[in-house]
Amino acid sequence: MNEITEGNVARYCKPSSLDEDGYPASSAFQRRPNRNERYLSAYLLEFFKNDSEKENVAEVRKEIKKHFNLKKNGLYAILNIEQSKADIMKEIKKRISYKETNLPHCGIFHDYDDLVISELLAECVQSKYKVKDVE
């Protein structure tokens, strides 16, 4: 798998993983141990090459809908690859990586305590879009 070193990714967050203010909680960035997940799923926004972030998120919505149903009160959390990697390295001296899995789908990989990484990733969210607002 090729590493992605720059750009932005969108991660779908179901309504139950949002905090009381509507922001992604750390649970939105936790791997599911019952599924033995090796990475977190995300979508590379720059793959779509649209003029705006929101237009790229609309393309992500189309991709995700091919595989499962989205909840209208869910949202897409946007992470900047370079910034999130730098923030996590600065905070805990651990490395995360973004790798191509089947573009535009990609994975966020790490080998550290999942609860710590998920909390830090939630803090790295740059912007968010509600599913119902992206058509």
N, C-alpha and C. Protein backbone atom coordinates (compact mmCIF):
# COMPACT_ATOMS: atom_id res chain seq x y z
N MET A 1 0.84 -1.19 0.00
CA MET A 1 0.00 0.00 0.00
C MET A 1 0.88 1.24 0.00
N ASN A 2 0.58 2.15 -0.89
CA ASN A 2 1.32 3.40 -0.97
C ASN A 2 0.87 4.36 0.11
N GLU A 3 1.84 5.06 0.70
CA GLU A 3 1.51 6.05 1.71
C GLU A 3 1.06 7.34 1.04
N ILE A 4 0.08 8.00 1.64
CA ILE A 4 -0.41 9.30 1.19
C ILE A 4 0.20 10.32 2.13
N THR A 5 0.92 11.28 1.60
CA THR A 5 1.65 12.20 2.46
C THR A 5 1.03 13.59 2.57
N GLU A 6 0.06 13.89 1.72
CA GLU A 6 -0.55 15.22 1.80
C GLU A 6 -2.00 15.16 1.34
N GLY A 7 -2.72 16.19 1.72
CA GLY A 7 -4.12 16.28 1.34
C GLY A 7 -5.04 16.23 2.54
N ASN A 8 -6.30 15.94 2.27
CA ASN A 8 -7.34 15.90 3.29
C ASN A 8 -8.17 14.64 3.10
N VAL A 9 -8.64 14.10 4.22
CA VAL A 9 -9.51 12.93 4.16
C VAL A 9 -10.82 13.23 4.87
N ALA A 10 -11.86 12.52 4.45
CA ALA A 10 -13.16 12.59 5.11
C ALA A 10 -13.44 11.24 5.75
N ARG A 11 -13.90 11.27 6.99
CA ARG A 11 -14.31 10.05 7.68
C ARG A 11 -15.77 10.21 8.06
N TYR A 12 -16.58 9.21 7.70
CA TYR A 12 -17.99 9.24 8.08
C TYR A 12 -18.11 8.92 9.56
N CYS A 13 -18.90 9.71 10.27
CA CYS A 13 -19.14 9.52 11.70
C CYS A 13 -20.63 9.32 11.92
N LYS A 14 -21.00 8.19 12.45
CA LYS A 14 -22.42 7.94 12.69
C LYS A 14 -22.92 8.81 13.86
N PRO A 15 -24.22 9.05 13.93
CA PRO A 15 -24.76 9.95 14.96
C PRO A 15 -24.38 9.55 16.39
N SER A 16 -24.30 8.27 16.66
CA SER A 16 -23.96 7.83 18.02
C SER A 16 -22.51 8.13 18.40
N SER A 17 -21.69 8.53 17.42
CA SER A 17 -20.28 8.84 17.73
C SER A 17 -20.04 10.35 17.80
N LEU A 18 -21.11 11.12 17.89
CA LEU A 18 -20.99 12.58 18.01
C LEU A 18 -21.22 13.01 19.44
N ASP A 19 -20.54 14.07 19.87
CA ASP A 19 -20.76 14.55 21.22
C ASP A 19 -22.02 15.42 21.28
N GLU A 20 -22.32 15.96 22.44
CA GLU A 20 -23.57 16.71 22.63
C GLU A 20 -23.61 18.00 21.80
N ASP A 21 -22.45 18.47 21.34
CA ASP A 21 -22.39 19.67 20.50
C ASP A 21 -22.35 19.35 19.01
N GLY A 22 -22.44 18.06 18.67
CA GLY A 22 -22.46 17.67 17.27
C GLY A 22 -21.09 17.48 16.64
N TYR A 23 -20.05 17.43 17.46
CA TYR A 23 -18.70 17.20 16.94
C TYR A 23 -18.33 15.73 17.10
N PRO A 24 -17.45 15.24 16.26
CA PRO A 24 -17.04 13.83 16.40
C PRO A 24 -16.34 13.61 17.74
N ALA A 25 -16.81 12.62 18.48
CA ALA A 25 -16.16 12.21 19.72
C ALA A 25 -15.04 11.24 19.37
N SER A 26 -14.25 10.89 20.35
CA SER A 26 -13.14 9.96 20.09
C SER A 26 -13.63 8.62 19.55
N SER A 27 -14.84 8.22 19.93
CA SER A 27 -15.38 6.94 19.45
C SER A 27 -15.53 6.89 17.94
N ALA A 28 -15.60 8.05 17.29
CA ALA A 28 -15.70 8.10 15.83
C ALA A 28 -14.39 7.68 15.16
N PHE A 29 -13.31 7.63 15.93
CA PHE A 29 -12.00 7.31 15.39
C PHE A 29 -11.39 6.06 16.02
N GLN A 30 -12.25 5.23 16.61
CA GLN A 30 -11.76 3.98 17.19
C GLN A 30 -11.95 2.83 16.22
N ARG A 31 -10.95 1.97 16.17
CA ARG A 31 -11.09 0.74 15.38
C ARG A 31 -12.04 -0.18 16.13
N ARG A 32 -12.72 -1.03 15.40
CA ARG A 32 -13.67 -1.96 16.02
C ARG A 32 -12.96 -3.28 16.31
N PRO A 33 -12.70 -3.57 17.58
CA PRO A 33 -11.94 -4.78 17.91
C PRO A 33 -12.68 -6.07 17.54
N ASN A 34 -14.00 -6.03 17.55
CA ASN A 34 -14.76 -7.23 17.20
C ASN A 34 -14.61 -7.58 15.72
N ARG A 35 -14.14 -6.63 14.92
CA ARG A 35 -13.90 -6.87 13.50
C ARG A 35 -12.41 -6.99 13.18
N ASN A 36 -11.59 -6.90 14.23
CA ASN A 36 -10.14 -7.02 14.07
C ASN A 36 -9.60 -6.04 13.03
N GLU A 37 -10.08 -4.81 13.09
CA GLU A 37 -9.68 -3.80 12.11
C GLU A 37 -8.22 -3.40 12.28
N ARG A 38 -7.53 -3.25 11.15
CA ARG A 38 -6.13 -2.82 11.16
C ARG A 38 -6.00 -1.32 10.93
N TYR A 39 -7.06 -0.69 10.45
CA TYR A 39 -7.00 0.74 10.14
C TYR A 39 -8.39 1.34 10.20
N LEU A 40 -8.43 2.68 10.19
CA LEU A 40 -9.69 3.43 10.12
C LEU A 40 -9.96 3.79 8.67
N SER A 41 -11.16 3.62 8.24
CA SER A 41 -11.53 3.97 6.87
C SER A 41 -11.71 5.48 6.72
N ALA A 42 -11.25 5.99 5.60
CA ALA A 42 -11.40 7.40 5.25
C ALA A 42 -11.38 7.50 3.73
N TYR A 43 -11.64 8.70 3.23
CA TYR A 43 -11.66 8.93 1.78
C TYR A 43 -10.83 10.16 1.45
N LEU A 44 -9.93 10.01 0.50
CA LEU A 44 -9.05 11.09 0.08
C LEU A 44 -9.84 12.10 -0.75
N LEU A 45 -10.01 13.30 -0.24
CA LEU A 45 -10.83 14.31 -0.92
C LEU A 45 -10.23 14.76 -2.24
N GLU A 46 -8.93 14.90 -2.30
CA GLU A 46 -8.28 15.41 -3.51
C GLU A 46 -8.40 14.45 -4.69
N PHE A 47 -8.77 13.22 -4.44
CA PHE A 47 -8.98 12.26 -5.51
C PHE A 47 -10.03 12.77 -6.50
N PHE A 48 -11.01 13.50 -6.00
CA PHE A 48 -12.15 13.93 -6.82
C PHE A 48 -11.89 15.19 -7.62
N LYS A 49 -10.94 16.00 -7.22
CA LYS A 49 -10.49 17.16 -8.00
C LYS A 49 -11.58 18.21 -8.27
N ASN A 50 -12.53 18.35 -7.36
CA ASN A 50 -13.54 19.40 -7.51
C ASN A 50 -13.00 20.72 -6.98
N ASP A 51 -13.73 21.79 -7.23
CA ASP A 51 -13.29 23.13 -6.83
C ASP A 51 -13.41 23.38 -5.33
N SER A 52 -14.35 22.73 -4.67
CA SER A 52 -14.54 23.00 -3.24
C SER A 52 -14.50 21.71 -2.43
N GLU A 53 -14.19 21.90 -1.16
CA GLU A 53 -14.17 20.78 -0.24
C GLU A 53 -15.55 20.12 -0.16
N LYS A 54 -16.59 20.95 -0.10
CA LYS A 54 -17.95 20.42 0.00
C LYS A 54 -18.32 19.57 -1.21
N GLU A 55 -17.89 19.98 -2.40
CA GLU A 55 -18.16 19.18 -3.61
C GLU A 55 -17.44 17.83 -3.53
N ASN A 56 -16.23 17.84 -3.00
CA ASN A 56 -15.50 16.58 -2.83
C ASN A 56 -16.17 15.69 -1.80
N VAL A 57 -16.69 16.29 -0.74
CA VAL A 57 -17.41 15.52 0.28
C VAL A 57 -18.67 14.90 -0.33
N ALA A 58 -19.33 15.61 -1.23
CA ALA A 58 -20.51 15.06 -1.91
C ALA A 58 -20.12 13.81 -2.71
N GLU A 59 -18.93 13.81 -3.29
CA GLU A 59 -18.45 12.62 -4.01
C GLU A 59 -18.17 11.48 -3.05
N VAL A 60 -17.64 11.80 -1.88
CA VAL A 60 -17.41 10.78 -0.85
C VAL A 60 -18.75 10.16 -0.46
N ARG A 61 -19.77 10.98 -0.30
CA ARG A 61 -21.11 10.48 0.04
C ARG A 61 -21.57 9.44 -0.98
N LYS A 62 -21.37 9.73 -2.26
CA LYS A 62 -21.76 8.78 -3.31
C LYS A 62 -20.99 7.46 -3.17
N GLU A 63 -19.70 7.56 -2.87
CA GLU A 63 -18.87 6.36 -2.71
C GLU A 63 -19.34 5.51 -1.53
N ILE A 64 -19.58 6.16 -0.39
CA ILE A 64 -19.99 5.43 0.81
C ILE A 64 -21.35 4.78 0.61
N LYS A 65 -22.28 5.49 -0.06
CA LYS A 65 -23.62 4.95 -0.26
C LYS A 65 -23.62 3.67 -1.09
N LYS A 66 -22.55 3.42 -1.83
CA LYS A 66 -22.44 2.17 -2.60
C LYS A 66 -22.31 0.97 -1.67
N HIS A 67 -21.83 1.20 -0.45
CA HIS A 67 -21.50 0.11 0.45
C HIS A 67 -22.41 -0.01 1.67
N PHE A 68 -22.95 1.10 2.14
CA PHE A 68 -23.88 1.01 3.27
C PHE A 68 -24.72 2.27 3.37
N ASN A 69 -25.76 2.17 4.19
CA ASN A 69 -26.69 3.29 4.37
C ASN A 69 -26.12 4.31 5.34
N LEU A 70 -26.23 5.56 4.96
CA LEU A 70 -25.78 6.65 5.81
C LEU A 70 -26.95 7.17 6.64
N LYS A 71 -26.67 7.55 7.86
CA LYS A 71 -27.68 8.18 8.71
C LYS A 71 -27.67 9.68 8.42
N LYS A 72 -28.85 10.26 8.21
CA LYS A 72 -28.91 11.68 7.82
C LYS A 72 -28.35 12.61 8.89
N ASN A 73 -28.33 12.17 10.15
CA ASN A 73 -27.77 13.00 11.22
C ASN A 73 -26.30 12.71 11.49
N GLY A 74 -25.71 11.83 10.67
CA GLY A 74 -24.28 11.59 10.76
C GLY A 74 -23.53 12.75 10.11
N LEU A 75 -22.22 12.67 10.15
CA LEU A 75 -21.46 13.71 9.49
C LEU A 75 -20.13 13.18 8.96
N TYR A 76 -19.51 14.01 8.17
CA TYR A 76 -18.18 13.72 7.63
C TYR A 76 -17.19 14.62 8.37
N ALA A 77 -16.22 14.02 9.00
CA ALA A 77 -15.16 14.77 9.67
C ALA A 77 -13.99 14.88 8.71
N ILE A 78 -13.46 16.08 8.57
CA ILE A 78 -12.35 16.33 7.65
C ILE A 78 -11.06 16.48 8.45
N LEU A 79 -10.08 15.68 8.06
CA LEU A 79 -8.75 15.74 8.68
C LEU A 79 -7.73 16.12 7.61
N ASN A 80 -6.82 17.00 7.97
CA ASN A 80 -5.70 17.30 7.09
C ASN A 80 -4.59 16.30 7.42
N ILE A 81 -4.09 15.63 6.42
CA ILE A 81 -3.11 14.56 6.63
C ILE A 81 -1.85 15.08 7.30
N GLU A 82 -1.24 16.11 6.74
CA GLU A 82 0.01 16.62 7.30
C GLU A 82 -0.17 17.13 8.72
N GLN A 83 -1.24 17.88 8.94
CA GLN A 83 -1.47 18.47 10.26
C GLN A 83 -1.75 17.41 11.32
N SER A 84 -2.58 16.43 11.00
CA SER A 84 -2.89 15.40 12.00
C SER A 84 -1.66 14.57 12.34
N LYS A 85 -0.85 14.25 11.34
CA LYS A 85 0.39 13.51 11.61
C LYS A 85 1.33 14.32 12.50
N ALA A 86 1.47 15.61 12.21
CA ALA A 86 2.35 16.47 13.00
C ALA A 86 1.82 16.64 14.42
N ASP A 87 0.52 16.84 14.57
CA ASP A 87 -0.06 17.04 15.90
C ASP A 87 0.13 15.80 16.77
N ILE A 88 -0.08 14.64 16.21
CA ILE A 88 0.06 13.40 16.99
C ILE A 88 1.53 13.16 17.34
N MET A 89 2.42 13.41 16.40
CA MET A 89 3.85 13.25 16.68
C MET A 89 4.28 14.21 17.80
N LYS A 90 3.81 15.44 17.73
CA LYS A 90 4.16 16.44 18.74
C LYS A 90 3.60 16.05 20.12
N GLU A 91 2.38 15.56 20.13
CA GLU A 91 1.69 15.25 21.40
C GLU A 91 2.23 14.00 22.08
N ILE A 92 2.42 12.93 21.34
CA ILE A 92 2.80 11.65 21.98
C ILE A 92 4.00 10.97 21.34
N LYS A 93 4.64 11.63 20.39
CA LYS A 93 5.84 11.07 19.73
C LYS A 93 5.56 9.73 19.06
N LYS A 94 4.37 9.59 18.50
CA LYS A 94 4.00 8.37 17.77
C LYS A 94 3.60 8.75 16.36
N ARG A 95 3.77 7.79 15.47
CA ARG A 95 3.52 8.03 14.05
C ARG A 95 2.21 7.38 13.62
N ILE A 96 1.42 8.11 12.85
CA ILE A 96 0.28 7.52 12.15
C ILE A 96 0.58 7.66 10.66
N SER A 97 -0.06 6.85 9.86
CA SER A 97 0.13 6.96 8.41
C SER A 97 -1.21 6.81 7.71
N TYR A 98 -1.27 7.44 6.57
CA TYR A 98 -2.43 7.35 5.69
C TYR A 98 -1.98 6.57 4.46
N LYS A 99 -2.69 5.49 4.14
CA LYS A 99 -2.27 4.65 3.02
C LYS A 99 -3.43 4.37 2.09
N GLU A 100 -3.09 4.27 0.80
CA GLU A 100 -4.08 3.90 -0.20
C GLU A 100 -4.54 2.47 0.08
N THR A 101 -5.84 2.25 0.05
CA THR A 101 -6.36 0.89 0.14
C THR A 101 -7.09 0.53 -1.15
N ASN A 102 -7.85 1.45 -1.66
CA ASN A 102 -8.54 1.32 -2.95
C ASN A 102 -9.12 2.70 -3.25
N LEU A 103 -8.26 3.60 -3.72
CA LEU A 103 -8.66 5.00 -3.86
C LEU A 103 -10.00 5.16 -4.57
N PRO A 104 -10.82 6.05 -4.07
CA PRO A 104 -10.53 7.11 -3.11
C PRO A 104 -10.47 6.64 -1.66
N HIS A 105 -10.82 5.39 -1.39
CA HIS A 105 -10.76 4.86 -0.03
C HIS A 105 -9.31 4.75 0.41
N CYS A 106 -9.08 5.11 1.65
CA CYS A 106 -7.74 4.96 2.21
C CYS A 106 -7.88 4.60 3.68
N GLY A 107 -6.77 4.29 4.30
CA GLY A 107 -6.79 3.89 5.70
C GLY A 107 -5.88 4.75 6.54
N ILE A 108 -6.29 4.96 7.79
CA ILE A 108 -5.44 5.62 8.78
C ILE A 108 -4.88 4.51 9.65
N PHE A 109 -3.57 4.32 9.59
CA PHE A 109 -2.90 3.23 10.28
C PHE A 109 -2.10 3.75 11.47
N HIS A 110 -2.08 2.96 12.54
CA HIS A 110 -1.21 3.26 13.68
C HIS A 110 -1.03 1.99 14.50
N ASP A 111 0.03 1.99 15.31
CA ASP A 111 0.34 0.84 16.16
C ASP A 111 0.41 1.24 17.62
N TYR A 112 -0.39 2.20 18.01
CA TYR A 112 -0.35 2.69 19.38
C TYR A 112 -1.71 2.46 20.03
N ASP A 113 -1.84 2.82 21.28
CA ASP A 113 -3.07 2.68 22.04
C ASP A 113 -4.22 3.36 21.28
N ASP A 114 -5.22 2.57 20.92
CA ASP A 114 -6.32 3.07 20.09
C ASP A 114 -7.10 4.19 20.77
N LEU A 115 -7.27 4.12 22.08
CA LEU A 115 -8.03 5.15 22.79
C LEU A 115 -7.30 6.50 22.74
N VAL A 116 -6.00 6.46 22.86
CA VAL A 116 -5.21 7.70 22.82
C VAL A 116 -5.25 8.30 21.42
N ILE A 117 -4.99 7.49 20.41
CA ILE A 117 -4.99 7.98 19.03
C ILE A 117 -6.37 8.50 18.64
N SER A 118 -7.42 7.79 19.03
CA SER A 118 -8.77 8.23 18.66
C SER A 118 -9.11 9.59 19.28
N GLU A 119 -8.67 9.81 20.50
CA GLU A 119 -8.89 11.10 21.15
C GLU A 119 -8.15 12.21 20.41
N LEU A 120 -6.92 11.94 20.03
CA LEU A 120 -6.13 12.95 19.31
C LEU A 120 -6.68 13.22 17.92
N LEU A 121 -7.12 12.19 17.22
CA LEU A 121 -7.71 12.39 15.89
C LEU A 121 -8.98 13.25 15.98
N ALA A 122 -9.79 13.01 17.01
CA ALA A 122 -11.00 13.82 17.19
C ALA A 122 -10.64 15.29 17.36
N GLU A 123 -9.53 15.56 18.03
CA GLU A 123 -9.08 16.94 18.22
C GLU A 123 -8.53 17.55 16.93
N CYS A 124 -8.15 16.71 15.97
CA CYS A 124 -7.56 17.18 14.71
C CYS A 124 -8.59 17.53 13.64
N VAL A 125 -9.86 17.32 13.91
CA VAL A 125 -10.89 17.59 12.89
C VAL A 125 -10.86 19.07 12.51
N GLN A 126 -10.70 19.33 11.21
CA GLN A 126 -10.58 20.70 10.70
C GLN A 126 -11.94 21.29 10.33
N SER A 127 -12.82 20.44 9.83
CA SER A 127 -14.16 20.89 9.46
C SER A 127 -15.08 19.68 9.45
N LYS A 128 -16.37 19.95 9.35
CA LYS A 128 -17.34 18.84 9.34
C LYS A 128 -18.53 19.23 8.48
N TYR A 129 -19.17 18.21 7.93
CA TYR A 129 -20.34 18.40 7.08
C TYR A 129 -21.40 17.38 7.48
N LYS A 130 -22.60 17.84 7.75
CA LYS A 130 -23.69 16.91 8.05
C LYS A 130 -24.08 16.18 6.77
N VAL A 131 -24.39 14.91 6.92
CA VAL A 131 -24.81 14.10 5.76
C VAL A 131 -25.98 14.76 5.06
N LYS A 132 -26.97 15.22 5.83
CA LYS A 132 -28.18 15.78 5.22
C LYS A 132 -27.91 17.09 4.47
N ASP A 133 -26.76 17.72 4.71
CA ASP A 133 -26.42 18.97 4.03
C ASP A 133 -25.55 18.78 2.79
N VAL A 134 -25.19 17.55 2.52
CA VAL A 134 -24.30 17.26 1.37
C VAL A 134 -25.04 16.36 0.41
N GLU A 135 -25.40 16.88 -0.73
CA GLU A 135 -26.12 16.08 -1.74
C GLU A 135 -25.30 15.95 -2.98
